Amino acid sequence: MRSRAARTALASVAIAVMAVTGLTACSNSSSSEAPASEINLSGSPVTANEDMTALCAQIVEQGLPVEAAVALAEASGYTTRVGSLDGEGQAVTTDLQEDRFTFDVEADIVTACTIG
């Protein structure tokens, strides 16, 4: 029998996969102007920074567990790291990576997200 932590982690990953799959399934792949992942609902191109900002906000607003947030970000092509864990700063580099999310995590839930 699996432990509660293992079941929670599996459920978190399943939620992240469903979220990514759901977002992909709603895309309009018939457009020839830009890839579907780079077009917003108005049909205008979306920059990578706007996409990351929206995804970062979505992760925090939904209160995703860190495993689900990491899975969602990585499925979208981004890298992640934890900048603080339960109020304690973690050892991180000061280099700026434009495709990376830095998460603040409290009790296994992402409470803040920054890009870089």
PDB file of N, CA and C in Angstrom:
ATOM      1  N   MET A   1       0.840  -1.187   0.000  1.00  0.00           N
ATOM      2  CA  MET A   1       0.000   0.000   0.000  1.00  0.00           C
ATOM      3  C   MET A   1       0.884   1.248   0.000  1.00  0.00           C
ATOM      4  N   ARG A   2       0.515   2.224  -0.749  1.00  0.00           N
ATOM      5  CA  ARG A   2       1.318   3.435  -0.868  1.00  0.00           C
ATOM      6  C   ARG A   2       1.069   4.370   0.308  1.00  0.00           C
ATOM      7  N   SER A   3       2.093   5.142   0.639  1.00  0.00           N
ATOM      8  CA  SER A   3       1.957   6.106   1.715  1.00  0.00           C
ATOM      9  C   SER A   3       1.138   7.300   1.223  1.00  0.00           C
ATOM     10  N   ARG A   4       0.677   8.073   2.165  1.00  0.00           N
ATOM     11  CA  ARG A   4      -0.126   9.256   1.817  1.00  0.00           C
ATOM     12  C   ARG A   4       0.687  10.237   0.986  1.00  0.00           C
ATOM     13  N   ALA A   5       1.980  10.413   1.339  1.00  0.00           N
ATOM     14  CA  ALA A   5       2.835  11.339   0.583  1.00  0.00           C
ATOM     15  C   ALA A   5       2.978  10.890  -0.862  1.00  0.00           C
ATOM     16  N   ALA A   6       3.133   9.581  -1.069  1.00  0.00           N
ATOM     17  CA  ALA A   6       3.263   9.073  -2.436  1.00  0.00           C
ATOM     18  C   ALA A   6       1.978   9.282  -3.215  1.00  0.00           C
ATOM     19  N   ARG A   7       0.827   9.037  -2.571  1.00  0.00           N
ATOM     20  CA  ARG A   7      -0.454   9.243  -3.257  1.00  0.00           C
ATOM     21  C   ARG A   7      -0.644  10.714  -3.595  1.00  0.00           C
ATOM     22  N   THR A   8      -0.259  11.603  -2.661  1.00  0.00           N
ATOM     23  CA  THR A   8      -0.387  13.039  -2.900  1.00  0.00           C
ATOM     24  C   THR A   8       0.503  13.466  -4.059  1.00  0.00           C
ATOM     25  N   ALA A   9       1.740  12.963  -4.094  1.00  0.00           N
ATOM     26  CA  ALA A   9       2.652  13.310  -5.180  1.00  0.00           C
ATOM     27  C   ALA A   9       2.122  12.821  -6.521  1.00  0.00           C
ATOM     28  N   LEU A  10       1.604  11.598  -6.545  1.00  0.00           N
ATOM     29  CA  LEU A  10       1.036  11.071  -7.791  1.00  0.00           C
ATOM     30  C   LEU A  10      -0.172  11.878  -8.237  1.00  0.00           C
ATOM     31  N   ALA A  11      -1.013  12.252  -7.289  1.00  0.00           N
ATOM     32  CA  ALA A  11      -2.188  13.052  -7.623  1.00  0.00           C
ATOM     33  C   ALA A  11      -1.771  14.421  -8.158  1.00  0.00           C
ATOM     34  N   SER A  12      -0.740  15.005  -7.564  1.00  0.00           N
ATOM     35  CA  SER A  12      -0.256  16.316  -8.011  1.00  0.00           C
ATOM     36  C   SER A  12       0.256  16.260  -9.440  1.00  0.00           C
ATOM     37  N   VAL A  13       1.023  15.217  -9.743  1.00  0.00           N
ATOM     38  CA  VAL A  13       1.538  15.065 -11.101  1.00  0.00           C
ATOM     39  C   VAL A  13       0.391  14.841 -12.079  1.00  0.00           C
ATOM     40  N   ALA A  14      -0.595  14.055 -11.675  1.00  0.00           N
ATOM     41  CA  ALA A  14      -1.752  13.805 -12.548  1.00  0.00           C
ATOM     42  C   ALA A  14      -2.495  15.101 -12.834  1.00  0.00           C
ATOM     43  N   ILE A  15      -2.654  15.948 -11.827  1.00  0.00           N
ATOM     44  CA  ILE A  15      -3.334  17.233 -12.009  1.00  0.00           C
ATOM     45  C   ILE A  15      -2.552  18.107 -12.979  1.00  0.00           C
ATOM     46  N   ALA A  16      -1.231  18.136 -12.811  1.00  0.00           N
ATOM     47  CA  ALA A  16      -0.399  18.950 -13.703  1.00  0.00           C
ATOM     48  C   ALA A  16      -0.489  18.454 -15.138  1.00  0.00           C
ATOM     49  N   VAL A  17      -0.458  17.146 -15.315  1.00  0.00           N
ATOM     50  CA  VAL A  17      -0.548  16.588 -16.664  1.00  0.00           C
ATOM     51  C   VAL A  17      -1.895  16.914 -17.283  1.00  0.00           C
ATOM     52  N   MET A  18      -2.966  16.811 -16.489  1.00  0.00           N
ATOM     53  CA  MET A  18      -4.292  17.147 -17.007  1.00  0.00           C
ATOM     54  C   MET A  18      -4.374  18.617 -17.369  1.00  0.00           C
ATOM     55  N   ALA A  19      -3.768  19.477 -16.550  1.00  0.00           N
ATOM     56  CA  ALA A  19      -3.797  20.914 -16.848  1.00  0.00           C
ATOM     57  C   ALA A  19      -3.062  21.210 -18.145  1.00  0.00           C
ATOM     58  N   VAL A  20      -1.896  20.623 -18.322  1.00  0.00           N
ATOM     59  CA  VAL A  20      -1.128  20.848 -19.544  1.00  0.00           C
ATOM     60  C   VAL A  20      -1.869  20.286 -20.744  1.00  0.00           C
ATOM     61  N   THR A  21      -2.394  19.079 -20.612  1.00  0.00           N
ATOM     62  CA  THR A  21      -3.122  18.451 -21.705  1.00  0.00           C
ATOM     63  C   THR A  21      -4.358  19.268 -22.054  1.00  0.00           C
ATOM     64  N   GLY A  22      -5.056  19.746 -21.047  1.00  0.00           N
ATOM     65  CA  GLY A  22      -6.250  20.556 -21.286  1.00  0.00           C
ATOM     66  C   GLY A  22      -5.916  21.843 -22.015  1.00  0.00           C
ATOM     67  N   LEU A  23      -4.820  22.500 -21.615  1.00  0.00           N
ATOM     68  CA  LEU A  23      -4.422  23.734 -22.284  1.00  0.00           C
ATOM     69  C   LEU A  23      -4.010  23.464 -23.718  1.00  0.00           C
ATOM     70  N   THR A  24      -3.325  22.367 -23.948  1.00  0.00           N
ATOM     71  CA  THR A  24      -2.901  22.019 -25.306  1.00  0.00           C
ATOM     72  C   THR A  24      -4.091  21.668 -26.171  1.00  0.00           C
ATOM     73  N   ALA A  25      -5.052  20.956 -25.598  1.00  0.00           N
ATOM     74  CA  ALA A  25      -6.214  20.527 -26.370  1.00  0.00           C
ATOM     75  C   ALA A  25      -7.062  21.709 -26.817  1.00  0.00           C
ATOM     76  N   CYS A  26      -6.990  22.816 -26.107  1.00  0.00           N
ATOM     77  CA  CYS A  26      -7.797  23.978 -26.451  1.00  0.00           C
ATOM     78  C   CYS A  26      -7.129  24.870 -27.487  1.00  0.00           C
ATOM     79  N   SER A  27      -5.910  24.570 -27.861  1.00  0.00           N
ATOM     80  CA  SER A  27      -5.206  25.432 -28.792  1.00  0.00           C
ATOM     81  C   SER A  27      -5.762  25.285 -30.206  1.00  0.00           C
ATOM     82  N   ASN A  28      -5.536  26.311 -30.993  1.00  0.00           N
ATOM     83  CA  ASN A  28      -5.991  26.317 -32.375  1.00  0.00           C
ATOM     84  C   ASN A  28      -4.794  26.067 -33.263  1.00  0.00           C
ATOM     85  N   SER A  29      -4.646  24.855 -33.763  1.00  0.00           N
ATOM     86  CA  SER A  29      -3.469  24.518 -34.554  1.00  0.00           C
ATOM     87  C   SER A  29      -3.639  24.843 -36.034  1.00  0.00           C
ATOM     88  N   SER A  30      -4.772  25.406 -36.433  1.00  0.00           N
ATOM     89  CA  SER A  30      -4.992  25.696 -37.846  1.00  0.00           C
ATOM     90  C   SER A  30      -4.382  27.024 -38.277  1.00  0.00           C
ATOM     91  N   SER A  31      -3.927  27.846 -37.342  1.00  0.00           N
ATOM     92  CA  SER A  31      -3.342  29.133 -37.682  1.00  0.00           C
ATOM     93  C   SER A  31      -1.963  28.946 -38.310  1.00  0.00           C
ATOM     94  N   SER A  32      -1.685  29.690 -39.365  1.00  0.00           N
ATOM     95  CA  SER A  32      -0.382  29.585 -40.008  1.00  0.00           C
ATOM     96  C   SER A  32       0.517  30.753 -39.616  1.00  0.00           C
ATOM     97  N   GLU A  33       0.007  31.710 -38.816  1.00  0.00           N
ATOM     98  CA  GLU A  33       0.783  32.884 -38.458  1.00  0.00           C
ATOM     99  C   GLU A  33       1.855  32.591 -37.419  1.00  0.00           C
ATOM    100  N   ALA A  34       1.533  31.791 -36.394  1.00  0.00           N
ATOM    101  CA  ALA A  34       2.470  31.477 -35.324  1.00  0.00           C
ATOM    102  C   ALA A  34       2.022  30.186 -34.666  1.00  0.00           C
ATOM    103  N   PRO A  35       2.920  29.496 -33.976  1.00  0.00           N
ATOM    104  CA  PRO A  35       2.509  28.278 -33.288  1.00  0.00           C
ATOM    105  C   PRO A  35       1.381  28.566 -32.308  1.00  0.00           C
ATOM    106  N   ALA A  36       0.492  27.586 -32.109  1.00  0.00           N
ATOM    107  CA  ALA A  36      -0.679  27.773 -31.256  1.00  0.00           C
ATOM    108  C   ALA A  36      -0.306  28.209 -29.860  1.00  0.00           C
ATOM    109  N   SER A  37       0.821  27.747 -29.341  1.00  0.00           N
ATOM    110  CA  SER A  37       1.217  28.101 -27.983  1.00  0.00           C
ATOM    111  C   SER A  37       1.655  29.556 -27.873  1.00  0.00           C
ATOM    112  N   GLU A  38       1.769  30.246 -28.996  1.00  0.00           N
ATOM    113  CA  GLU A  38       2.210  31.630 -28.982  1.00  0.00           C
ATOM    114  C   GLU A  38       1.124  32.598 -29.458  1.00  0.00           C
ATOM    115  N   ILE A  39      -0.128  32.180 -29.408  1.00  0.00           N
ATOM    116  CA  ILE A  39      -1.234  33.047 -29.810  1.00  0.00           C
ATOM    117  C   ILE A  39      -2.226  33.124 -28.655  1.00  0.00           C
ATOM    118  N   ASN A  40      -2.653  34.343 -28.323  1.00  0.00           N
ATOM    119  CA  ASN A  40      -3.645  34.460 -27.262  1.00  0.00           C
ATOM    120  C   ASN A  40      -5.046  34.383 -27.863  1.00  0.00           C
ATOM    121  N   LEU A  41      -6.068  34.543 -27.045  1.00  0.00           N
ATOM    122  CA  LEU A  41      -7.443  34.389 -27.519  1.00  0.00           C
ATOM    123  C   LEU A  41      -7.836  35.404 -28.585  1.00  0.00           C
ATOM    124  N   SER A  42      -7.182  36.559 -28.595  1.00  0.00           N
ATOM    125  CA  SER A  42      -7.513  37.569 -29.598  1.00  0.00           C
ATOM    126  C   SER A  42      -6.834  37.279 -30.935  1.00  0.00           C
ATOM    127  N   GLY A  43      -5.947  36.283 -30.968  1.00  0.00           N
ATOM    128  CA  GLY A  43      -5.228  35.972 -32.192  1.00  0.00           C
ATOM    129  C   GLY A  43      -3.906  36.695 -32.309  1.00  0.00           C
ATOM    130  N   SER A  44      -3.584  37.554 -31.330  1.00  0.00           N
ATOM    131  CA  SER A  44      -2.319  38.280 -31.347  1.00  0.00           C
ATOM    132  C   SER A  44      -1.191  37.408 -30.807  1.00  0.00           C
ATOM    133  N   PRO A  45       0.010  37.564 -31.344  1.00  0.00           N
ATOM    134  CA  PRO A  45       1.145  36.800 -30.815  1.00  0.00           C
ATOM    135  C   PRO A  45       1.407  37.158 -29.352  1.00  0.00           C
ATOM    136  N   VAL A  46       1.822  36.176 -28.576  1.00  0.00           N
ATOM    137  CA  VAL A  46       2.150  36.360 -27.166  1.00  0.00           C
ATOM    138  C   VAL A  46       3.645  36.129 -27.016  1.00  0.00           C
ATOM    139  N   THR A  47       4.328  37.040 -26.328  1.00  0.00           N
ATOM    140  CA  THR A  47       5.757  36.856 -26.117  1.00  0.00           C
ATOM    141  C   THR A  47       5.983  35.776 -25.066  1.00  0.00           C
ATOM    142  N   ALA A  48       7.178  35.221 -25.066  1.00  0.00           N
ATOM    143  CA  ALA A  48       7.521  34.193 -24.077  1.00  0.00           C
ATOM    144  C   ALA A  48       7.396  34.757 -22.670  1.00  0.00           C
ATOM    145  N   ASN A  49       7.759  36.023 -22.478  1.00  0.00           N
ATOM    146  CA  ASN A  49       7.671  36.633 -21.149  1.00  0.00           C
ATOM    147  C   ASN A  49       6.220  36.721 -20.687  1.00  0.00           C
ATOM    148  N   GLU A  50       5.312  37.080 -21.592  1.00  0.00           N
ATOM    149  CA  GLU A  50       3.890  37.132 -21.233  1.00  0.00           C
ATOM    150  C   GLU A  50       3.367  35.746 -20.894  1.00  0.00           C
ATOM    151  N   ASP A  51       3.799  34.742 -21.642  1.00  0.00           N
ATOM    152  CA  ASP A  51       3.395  33.368 -21.394  1.00  0.00           C
ATOM    153  C   ASP A  51       3.894  32.912 -20.025  1.00  0.00           C
ATOM    154  N   MET A  52       5.159  33.197 -19.723  1.00  0.00           N
ATOM    155  CA  MET A  52       5.725  32.799 -18.433  1.00  0.00           C
ATOM    156  C   MET A  52       5.050  33.536 -17.281  1.00  0.00           C
ATOM    157  N   THR A  53       4.775  34.813 -17.466  1.00  0.00           N
ATOM    158  CA  THR A  53       4.113  35.589 -16.419  1.00  0.00           C
ATOM    159  C   THR A  53       2.738  35.011 -16.119  1.00  0.00           C
ATOM    160  N   ALA A  54       1.990  34.663 -17.149  1.00  0.00           N
ATOM    161  CA  ALA A  54       0.660  34.086 -16.961  1.00  0.00           C
ATOM    162  C   ALA A  54       0.748  32.717 -16.292  1.00  0.00           C
ATOM    163  N   LEU A  55       1.700  31.897 -16.700  1.00  0.00           N
ATOM    164  CA  LEU A  55       1.851  30.573 -16.099  1.00  0.00           C
ATOM    165  C   LEU A  55       2.276  30.685 -14.643  1.00  0.00           C
ATOM    166  N   CYS A  56       3.176  31.600 -14.364  1.00  0.00           N
ATOM    167  CA  CYS A  56       3.636  31.846 -12.992  1.00  0.00           C
ATOM    168  C   CYS A  56       2.449  32.244 -12.106  1.00  0.00           C
ATOM    169  N   ALA A  57       1.641  33.156 -12.587  1.00  0.00           N
ATOM    170  CA  ALA A  57       0.460  33.603 -11.829  1.00  0.00           C
ATOM    171  C   ALA A  57      -0.525  32.457 -11.636  1.00  0.00           C
ATOM    172  N   GLN A  58      -0.715  31.648 -12.663  1.00  0.00           N
ATOM    173  CA  GLN A  58      -1.641  30.518 -12.579  1.00  0.00           C
ATOM    174  C   GLN A  58      -1.191  29.520 -11.512  1.00  0.00           C
ATOM    175  N   ILE A  59       0.086  29.234 -11.455  1.00  0.00           N
ATOM    176  CA  ILE A  59       0.619  28.289 -10.471  1.00  0.00           C
ATOM    177  C   ILE A  59       0.337  28.773  -9.059  1.00  0.00           C
ATOM    178  N   VAL A  60       0.571  30.069  -8.816  1.00  0.00           N
ATOM    179  CA  VAL A  60       0.360  30.624  -7.475  1.00  0.00           C
ATOM    180  C   VAL A  60      -1.129  30.715  -7.150  1.00  0.00           C
ATOM    181  N   GLU A  61      -1.928  31.213  -8.085  1.00  0.00           N
ATOM    182  CA  GLU A  61      -3.370  31.364  -7.848  1.00  0.00           C
ATOM    183  C   GLU A  61      -4.050  30.035  -7.561  1.00  0.00           C
ATOM    184  N   GLN A  62      -3.609  28.971  -8.229  1.00  0.00           N
ATOM    185  CA  GLN A  62      -4.213  27.661  -8.014  1.00  0.00           C
ATOM    186  C   GLN A  62      -3.646  26.956  -6.792  1.00  0.00           C
ATOM    187  N   GLY A  63      -2.625  27.524  -6.181  1.00  0.00           N
ATOM    188  CA  GLY A  63      -2.030  26.920  -5.002  1.00  0.00           C
ATOM    189  C   GLY A  63      -1.524  25.514  -5.273  1.00  0.00           C
ATOM    190  N   LEU A  64      -0.801  25.357  -6.376  1.00  0.00           N
ATOM    191  CA  LEU A  64      -0.338  24.035  -6.768  1.00  0.00           C
ATOM    192  C   LEU A  64       0.744  23.510  -5.817  1.00  0.00           C
ATOM    193  N   PRO A  65       0.711  22.214  -5.545  1.00  0.00           N
ATOM    194  CA  PRO A  65       1.834  21.599  -4.829  1.00  0.00           C
ATOM    195  C   PRO A  65       3.087  21.738  -5.690  1.00  0.00           C
ATOM    196  N   VAL A  66       4.242  21.769  -5.052  1.00  0.00           N
ATOM    197  CA  VAL A  66       5.486  22.015  -5.782  1.00  0.00           C
ATOM    198  C   VAL A  66       5.714  20.984  -6.883  1.00  0.00           C
ATOM    199  N   GLU A  67       5.382  19.715  -6.646  1.00  0.00           N
ATOM    200  CA  GLU A  67       5.597  18.699  -7.682  1.00  0.00           C
ATOM    201  C   GLU A  67       4.746  18.979  -8.919  1.00  0.00           C
ATOM    202  N   ALA A  68       3.517  19.395  -8.717  1.00  0.00           N
ATOM    203  CA  ALA A  68       2.626  19.704  -9.834  1.00  0.00           C
ATOM    204  C   ALA A  68       3.098  20.963 -10.565  1.00  0.00           C
ATOM    205  N   ALA A  69       3.570  21.953  -9.819  1.00  0.00           N
ATOM    206  CA  ALA A  69       4.069  23.187 -10.427  1.00  0.00           C
ATOM    207  C   ALA A  69       5.293  22.910 -11.285  1.00  0.00           C
ATOM    208  N   VAL A  70       6.194  22.079 -10.774  1.00  0.00           N
ATOM    209  CA  VAL A  70       7.392  21.719 -11.525  1.00  0.00           C
ATOM    210  C   VAL A  70       7.006  20.962 -12.794  1.00  0.00           C
ATOM    211  N   ALA A  71       6.091  20.010 -12.665  1.00  0.00           N
ATOM    212  CA  ALA A  71       5.656  19.226 -13.831  1.00  0.00           C
ATOM    213  C   ALA A  71       5.011  20.120 -14.882  1.00  0.00           C
ATOM    214  N   LEU A  72       4.177  21.052 -14.458  1.00  0.00           N
ATOM    215  CA  LEU A  72       3.513  21.962 -15.383  1.00  0.00           C
ATOM    216  C   LEU A  72       4.524  22.868 -16.083  1.00  0.00           C
ATOM    217  N   ALA A  73       5.442  23.443 -15.318  1.00  0.00           N
ATOM    218  CA  ALA A  73       6.451  24.325 -15.898  1.00  0.00           C
ATOM    219  C   ALA A  73       7.350  23.573 -16.879  1.00  0.00           C
ATOM    220  N   GLU A  74       7.799  22.389 -16.488  1.00  0.00           N
ATOM    221  CA  GLU A  74       8.685  21.616 -17.358  1.00  0.00           C
ATOM    222  C   GLU A  74       7.965  21.129 -18.611  1.00  0.00           C
ATOM    223  N   ALA A  75       6.694  20.781 -18.489  1.00  0.00           N
ATOM    224  CA  ALA A  75       5.915  20.373 -19.657  1.00  0.00           C
ATOM    225  C   ALA A  75       5.736  21.542 -20.626  1.00  0.00           C
ATOM    226  N   SER A  76       5.822  22.758 -20.109  1.00  0.00           N
ATOM    227  CA  SER A  76       5.708  23.959 -20.940  1.00  0.00           C
ATOM    228  C   SER A  76       7.061  24.409 -21.477  1.00  0.00           C
ATOM    229  N   GLY A  77       8.130  23.669 -21.145  1.00  0.00           N
ATOM    230  CA  GLY A  77       9.452  23.973 -21.675  1.00  0.00           C
ATOM    231  C   GLY A  77      10.309  24.857 -20.803  1.00  0.00           C
ATOM    232  N   TYR A  78       9.941  25.050 -19.551  1.00  0.00           N
ATOM    233  CA  TYR A  78      10.696  25.916 -18.651  1.00  0.00           C
ATOM    234  C   TYR A  78      11.402  25.099 -17.576  1.00  0.00           C
ATOM    235  N   THR A  79      12.415  25.707 -16.945  1.00  0.00           N
ATOM    236  CA  THR A  79      13.101  25.071 -15.833  1.00  0.00           C
ATOM    237  C   THR A  79      12.626  25.703 -14.539  1.00  0.00           C
ATOM    238  N   THR A  80      12.892  25.035 -13.422  1.00  0.00           N
ATOM    239  CA  THR A  80      12.416  25.526 -12.130  1.00  0.00           C
ATOM    240  C   THR A  80      13.491  25.351 -11.060  1.00  0.00           C
ATOM    241  N   ARG A  81      13.302  26.066  -9.977  1.00  0.00           N
ATOM    242  CA  ARG A  81      14.089  25.880  -8.769  1.00  0.00           C
ATOM    243  C   ARG A  81      13.281  26.412  -7.597  1.00  0.00           C
ATOM    244  N   VAL A  82      13.650  26.022  -6.404  1.00  0.00           N
ATOM    245  CA  VAL A  82      12.983  26.507  -5.195  1.00  0.00           C
ATOM    246  C   VAL A  82      13.899  27.539  -4.558  1.00  0.00           C
ATOM    247  N   GLY A  83      13.400  28.761  -4.430  1.00  0.00           N
ATOM    248  CA  GLY A  83      14.179  29.850  -3.842  1.00  0.00           C
ATOM    249  C   GLY A  83      14.053  29.922  -2.342  1.00  0.00           C
ATOM    250  N   SER A  84      12.882  29.558  -1.822  1.00  0.00           N
ATOM    251  CA  SER A  84      12.709  29.485  -0.370  1.00  0.00           C
ATOM    252  C   SER A  84      11.769  28.339  -0.051  1.00  0.00           C
ATOM    253  N   LEU A  85      12.049  27.672   1.042  1.00  0.00           N
ATOM    254  CA  LEU A  85      11.285  26.516   1.470  1.00  0.00           C
ATOM    255  C   LEU A  85      10.875  26.726   2.915  1.00  0.00           C
ATOM    256  N   ASP A  86       9.578  26.845   3.131  1.00  0.00           N
ATOM    257  CA  ASP A  86       9.027  27.087   4.470  1.00  0.00           C
ATOM    258  C   ASP A  86       9.710  28.263   5.160  1.00  0.00           C
ATOM    259  N   GLY A  87       9.899  29.347   4.391  1.00  0.00           N
ATOM    260  CA  GLY A  87      10.446  30.584   4.940  1.00  0.00           C
ATOM    261  C   GLY A  87      11.960  30.658   4.986  1.00  0.00           C
ATOM    262  N   GLU A  88      12.651  29.592   4.649  1.00  0.00           N
ATOM    263  CA  GLU A  88      14.109  29.592   4.661  1.00  0.00           C
ATOM    264  C   GLU A  88      14.637  29.697   3.240  1.00  0.00           C
ATOM    265  N   GLY A  89      15.479  30.710   3.008  1.00  0.00           N
ATOM    266  CA  GLY A  89      16.085  30.868   1.696  1.00  0.00           C
ATOM    267  C   GLY A  89      16.959  29.679   1.360  1.00  0.00           C
ATOM    268  N   GLN A  90      16.922  29.271   0.114  1.00  0.00           N
ATOM    269  CA  GLN A  90      17.721  28.150  -0.353  1.00  0.00           C
ATOM    270  C   GLN A  90      18.932  28.681  -1.113  1.00  0.00           C
ATOM    271  N   ALA A  91      19.959  27.888  -1.191  1.00  0.00           N
ATOM    272  CA  ALA A  91      21.157  28.277  -1.935  1.00  0.00           C
ATOM    273  C   ALA A  91      20.817  28.270  -3.426  1.00  0.00           C
ATOM    274  N   VAL A  92      20.862  29.429  -4.041  1.00  0.00           N
ATOM    275  CA  VAL A  92      20.589  29.554  -5.468  1.00  0.00           C
ATOM    276  C   VAL A  92      21.667  30.427  -6.107  1.00  0.00           C
ATOM    277  N   THR A  93      21.848  30.265  -7.389  1.00  0.00           N
ATOM    278  CA  THR A  93      22.816  31.084  -8.115  1.00  0.00           C
ATOM    279  C   THR A  93      22.192  32.433  -8.439  1.00  0.00           C
ATOM    280  N   THR A  94      23.013  33.408  -8.742  1.00  0.00           N
ATOM    281  CA  THR A  94      22.505  34.743  -9.063  1.00  0.00           C
ATOM    282  C   THR A  94      22.416  34.982 -10.567  1.00  0.00           C
ATOM    283  N   ASP A  95      22.663  33.937 -11.348  1.00  0.00           N
ATOM    284  CA  ASP A  95      22.572  34.092 -12.793  1.00  0.00           C
ATOM    285  C   ASP A  95      21.111  34.239 -13.218  1.00  0.00           C
ATOM    286  N   LEU A  96      20.890  35.009 -14.251  1.00  0.00           N
ATOM    287  CA  LEU A  96      19.547  35.220 -14.770  1.00  0.00           C
ATOM    288  C   LEU A  96      19.316  34.267 -15.928  1.00  0.00           C
ATOM    289  N   GLN A  97      18.312  33.415 -15.786  1.00  0.00           N
ATOM    290  CA  GLN A  97      17.920  32.530 -16.878  1.00  0.00           C
ATOM    291  C   GLN A  97      16.482  32.879 -17.237  1.00  0.00           C
ATOM    292  N   GLU A  98      16.273  33.351 -18.440  1.00  0.00           N
ATOM    293  CA  GLU A  98      14.966  33.843 -18.845  1.00  0.00           C
ATOM    294  C   GLU A  98      13.910  32.757 -18.977  1.00  0.00           C
ATOM    295  N   ASP A  99      14.309  31.486 -18.943  1.00  0.00           N
ATOM    296  CA  ASP A  99      13.342  30.395 -19.073  1.00  0.00           C
ATOM    297  C   ASP A  99      13.161  29.636 -17.755  1.00  0.00           C
ATOM    298  N   ARG A 100      13.446  30.290 -16.626  1.00  0.00           N
ATOM    299  CA  ARG A 100      13.399  29.610 -15.336  1.00  0.00           C
ATOM    300  C   ARG A 100      12.427  30.290 -14.369  1.00  0.00           C
ATOM    301  N   PHE A 101      11.669  29.458 -13.660  1.00  0.00           N
ATOM    302  CA  PHE A 101      10.819  29.925 -12.571  1.00  0.00           C
ATOM    303  C   PHE A 101      11.536  29.663 -11.247  1.00  0.00           C
ATOM    304  N   THR A 102      11.436  30.601 -10.323  1.00  0.00           N
ATOM    305  CA  THR A 102      11.917  30.393  -8.963  1.00  0.00           C
ATOM    306  C   THR A 102      10.699  30.423  -8.057  1.00  0.00           C
ATOM    307  N   PHE A 103      10.471  29.314  -7.339  1.00  0.00           N
ATOM    308  CA  PHE A 103       9.297  29.170  -6.487  1.00  0.00           C
ATOM    309  C   PHE A 103       9.634  29.408  -5.028  1.00  0.00           C
ATOM    310  N   ASP A 104       8.701  30.059  -4.319  1.00  0.00           N
ATOM    311  CA  ASP A 104       8.707  30.086  -2.857  1.00  0.00           C
ATOM    312  C   ASP A 104       7.667  29.062  -2.443  1.00  0.00           C
ATOM    313  N   VAL A 105       8.052  28.149  -1.567  1.00  0.00           N
ATOM    314  CA  VAL A 105       7.190  27.028  -1.196  1.00  0.00           C
ATOM    315  C   VAL A 105       6.945  27.045   0.311  1.00  0.00           C
ATOM    316  N   GLU A 106       5.681  26.947   0.693  1.00  0.00           N
ATOM    317  CA  GLU A 106       5.261  26.841   2.092  1.00  0.00           C
ATOM    318  C   GLU A 106       4.400  25.601   2.225  1.00  0.00           C
ATOM    319  N   ALA A 107       4.780  24.675   3.094  1.00  0.00           N
ATOM    320  CA  ALA A 107       4.017  23.447   3.325  1.00  0.00           C
ATOM    321  C   ALA A 107       3.683  22.733   2.023  1.00  0.00           C
ATOM    322  N   ASP A 108       4.673  22.642   1.121  1.00  0.00           N
ATOM    323  CA  ASP A 108       4.576  21.944  -0.163  1.00  0.00           C
ATOM    324  C   ASP A 108       3.708  22.652  -1.200  1.00  0.00           C
ATOM    325  N   ILE A 109       3.265  23.882  -0.935  1.00  0.00           N
ATOM    326  CA  ILE A 109       2.438  24.654  -1.867  1.00  0.00           C
ATOM    327  C   ILE A 109       3.244  25.858  -2.362  1.00  0.00           C
ATOM    328  N   VAL A 110       3.209  26.092  -3.676  1.00  0.00           N
ATOM    329  CA  VAL A 110       3.896  27.248  -4.247  1.00  0.00           C
ATOM    330  C   VAL A 110       3.122  28.507  -3.882  1.00  0.00           C
ATOM    331  N   THR A 111       3.765  29.399  -3.126  1.00  0.00           N
ATOM    332  CA  THR A 111       3.110  30.626  -2.663  1.00  0.00           C
ATOM    333  C   THR A 111       3.555  31.862  -3.435  1.00  0.00           C
ATOM    334  N   ALA A 112       4.685  31.762  -4.133  1.00  0.00           N
ATOM    335  CA  ALA A 112       5.183  32.881  -4.949  1.00  0.00           C
ATOM    336  C   ALA A 112       6.033  32.308  -6.066  1.00  0.00           C
ATOM    337  N   CYS A 113       6.098  33.072  -7.144  1.00  0.00           N
ATOM    338  CA  CYS A 113       6.816  32.620  -8.330  1.00  0.00           C
ATOM    339  C   CYS A 113       7.431  33.840  -9.006  1.00  0.00           C
ATOM    340  N   THR A 114       8.708  33.730  -9.333  1.00  0.00           N
ATOM    341  CA  THR A 114       9.372  34.790 -10.084  1.00  0.00           C
ATOM    342  C   THR A 114      10.048  34.164 -11.300  1.00  0.00           C
ATOM    343  N   ILE A 115      10.343  35.009 -12.271  1.00  0.00           N
ATOM    344  CA  ILE A 115      10.976  34.554 -13.506  1.00  0.00           C
ATOM    345  C   ILE A 115      12.447  34.980 -13.465  1.00  0.00           C
ATOM    346  N   GLY A 116      13.310  34.051 -13.814  1.00  0.00           N
ATOM    347  CA  GLY A 116      14.722  34.391 -13.901  1.00  0.00           C
ATOM    348  C   GLY A 116      15.617  33.481 -13.127  1.00  0.00           C
TER     349      GLY A 116
END
